[in-house]
Amino acid sequence: MVLVAGIYSCMDLGAVISHNLYYYAYSFRAFRKEIYKMNEEELEFTSEQEQRIDEVYTMVYELCQYMTDNSIHSYSQDIVGPIADNVAEMLSLQGYKVHFPVITENDDGDQYISEYF
């Protein structure tokens, strides 16, 4: 590093500032991730919301059983979850009020629980 009368040269000062900005930006991102995890952990469905979700998933599973002539031998969240989400989204896009509790996110990135999809 070149010191001129105790002052950093412009190039060195730019490098120091750049390094510090990178460090603080990285630290802020890590801090936001921790806050996000904290917020995520705090969000919990009520027992009524969980019951509603279970009812929807059960109905979707029964529909899948019906459509496949009962060839689905065990409940799979990998099948039922996306189907329920897609149906809720399609109904919502058609203008229906869909009672399907969901964790959603506002424009600021904050998450909250909505009773309706």
Protein backbone atom coordinates (compact mmCIF):
# COMPACT_ATOMS: atom_id res chain seq x y z
CA MET A 1 0.00 0.00 0.00
CA VAL A 2 1.39 3.38 -0.91
CA LEU A 3 1.21 6.08 1.73
CA VAL A 4 1.73 9.67 0.77
CA ALA A 5 2.18 11.84 3.83
CA GLY A 6 0.00 9.47 5.86
CA ILE A 7 -2.83 9.44 3.28
CA TYR A 8 -3.76 6.50 1.10
CA SER A 9 -3.33 6.93 -2.61
CA CYS A 10 -6.61 7.15 -4.53
CA MET A 11 -6.20 3.60 -5.89
CA ASP A 12 -5.48 2.13 -2.49
CA LEU A 13 -8.27 4.10 -0.85
CA GLY A 14 -10.67 2.88 -3.55
CA ALA A 15 -9.60 -0.70 -2.90
CA VAL A 16 -10.09 -0.30 0.86
CA ILE A 17 -13.54 1.26 0.38
CA SER A 18 -14.50 -1.43 -2.13
CA HIS A 19 -13.36 -4.16 0.26
CA ASN A 20 -15.29 -2.61 3.16
CA LEU A 21 -18.44 -2.19 1.09
CA TYR A 22 -18.23 -5.83 0.01
CA TYR A 23 -17.73 -6.92 3.62
CA TYR A 24 -20.68 -4.89 4.91
CA ALA A 25 -22.93 -5.98 2.03
CA TYR A 26 -22.05 -9.61 2.75
CA SER A 27 -22.66 -9.12 6.47
CA PHE A 28 -26.01 -7.46 5.77
CA ARG A 29 -27.08 -10.35 3.50
CA ALA A 30 -26.13 -12.83 6.23
CA PHE A 31 -28.05 -10.76 8.78
CA ARG A 32 -31.13 -10.67 6.52
CA LYS A 33 -30.96 -14.44 6.09
CA GLU A 34 -30.93 -14.86 9.87
CA ILE A 35 -33.89 -12.49 10.23
CA TYR A 36 -35.69 -14.40 7.45
CA LYS A 37 -35.08 -17.67 9.28
CA MET A 38 -36.39 -16.14 12.49
CA ASN A 39 -39.51 -14.85 10.76
CA GLU A 40 -39.99 -18.16 9.00
CA GLU A 41 -39.79 -20.05 12.29
CA GLU A 42 -42.32 -17.73 13.92
CA LEU A 43 -44.99 -18.38 11.28
CA GLU A 44 -47.24 -21.23 12.29
CA PHE A 45 -50.68 -22.19 11.09
CA THR A 46 -53.42 -22.31 13.69
CA SER A 47 -54.98 -25.70 14.40
CA GLU A 48 -58.04 -24.63 12.37
CA GLN A 49 -55.83 -23.68 9.41
CA GLU A 50 -53.95 -26.98 9.65
CA GLN A 51 -57.25 -28.83 9.73
CA ARG A 52 -58.42 -26.97 6.62
CA ILE A 53 -55.17 -27.78 4.78
CA ASP A 54 -55.47 -31.45 5.79
CA GLU A 55 -59.04 -31.55 4.49
CA VAL A 56 -58.01 -30.05 1.15
CA TYR A 57 -55.09 -32.48 0.83
CA THR A 58 -57.33 -35.43 1.70
CA MET A 59 -59.82 -34.41 -0.99
CA VAL A 60 -57.06 -33.99 -3.55
CA TYR A 61 -55.70 -37.43 -2.64
CA GLU A 62 -59.17 -38.94 -3.02
CA LEU A 63 -59.50 -37.26 -6.43
CA CYS A 64 -56.14 -38.72 -7.48
CA GLN A 65 -57.26 -42.16 -6.27
CA TYR A 66 -60.50 -41.84 -8.23
CA MET A 67 -58.77 -40.68 -11.41
CA THR A 68 -56.17 -43.47 -11.29
CA ASP A 69 -58.62 -46.26 -10.37
CA ASN A 70 -57.06 -46.49 -6.90
CA SER A 71 -53.60 -47.25 -8.25
CA ILE A 72 -51.87 -44.78 -5.93
CA HIS A 73 -50.91 -47.00 -3.02
CA SER A 74 -49.68 -44.41 -0.55
CA TYR A 75 -50.21 -40.75 0.16
CA SER A 76 -47.46 -38.62 -1.34
CA GLN A 77 -47.03 -34.94 -0.52
CA ASP A 78 -44.99 -34.66 -3.73
CA ILE A 79 -48.17 -35.39 -5.69
CA VAL A 80 -50.90 -33.89 -3.51
CA GLY A 81 -49.20 -30.58 -2.57
CA PRO A 82 -48.53 -29.26 -6.09
CA ILE A 83 -51.97 -30.35 -7.30
CA ALA A 84 -53.68 -28.51 -4.42
CA ASP A 85 -51.55 -25.41 -5.05
CA ASN A 86 -52.25 -25.44 -8.78
CA VAL A 87 -56.00 -25.87 -8.29
CA ALA A 88 -56.04 -23.04 -5.74
CA GLU A 89 -54.11 -20.79 -8.12
CA MET A 90 -56.36 -21.61 -11.09
CA LEU A 91 -59.52 -20.95 -9.08
CA SER A 92 -58.06 -17.71 -7.74
CA LEU A 93 -57.16 -16.54 -11.25
CA GLN A 94 -60.75 -17.25 -12.29
CA GLY A 95 -61.93 -14.85 -9.59
CA TYR A 96 -62.99 -17.34 -6.93
CA LYS A 97 -62.26 -16.79 -3.26
CA VAL A 98 -60.21 -19.87 -2.37
CA HIS A 99 -60.21 -20.90 1.31
CA PHE A 100 -56.78 -22.51 1.46
CA PRO A 101 -54.42 -21.07 4.12
CA VAL A 102 -51.03 -20.23 2.69
CA ILE A 103 -47.80 -18.53 3.71
CA THR A 104 -47.29 -15.64 1.33
CA GLU A 105 -44.91 -12.74 0.91
CA ASN A 106 -45.56 -9.03 0.47
CA ASP A 107 -43.57 -6.66 -1.76
CA ASP A 108 -41.07 -5.96 1.04
CA GLY A 109 -40.23 -9.65 1.36
CA ASP A 110 -42.03 -10.06 4.68
CA GLN A 111 -43.94 -13.31 5.03
CA TYR A 112 -47.36 -13.71 6.56
CA ILE A 113 -50.17 -16.27 6.70
CA SER A 114 -53.21 -15.62 4.57
CA GLU A 115 -56.46 -17.50 5.17
CA TYR A 116 -57.24 -17.38 1.45
CA PHE A 117 -55.02 -18.25 -1.49
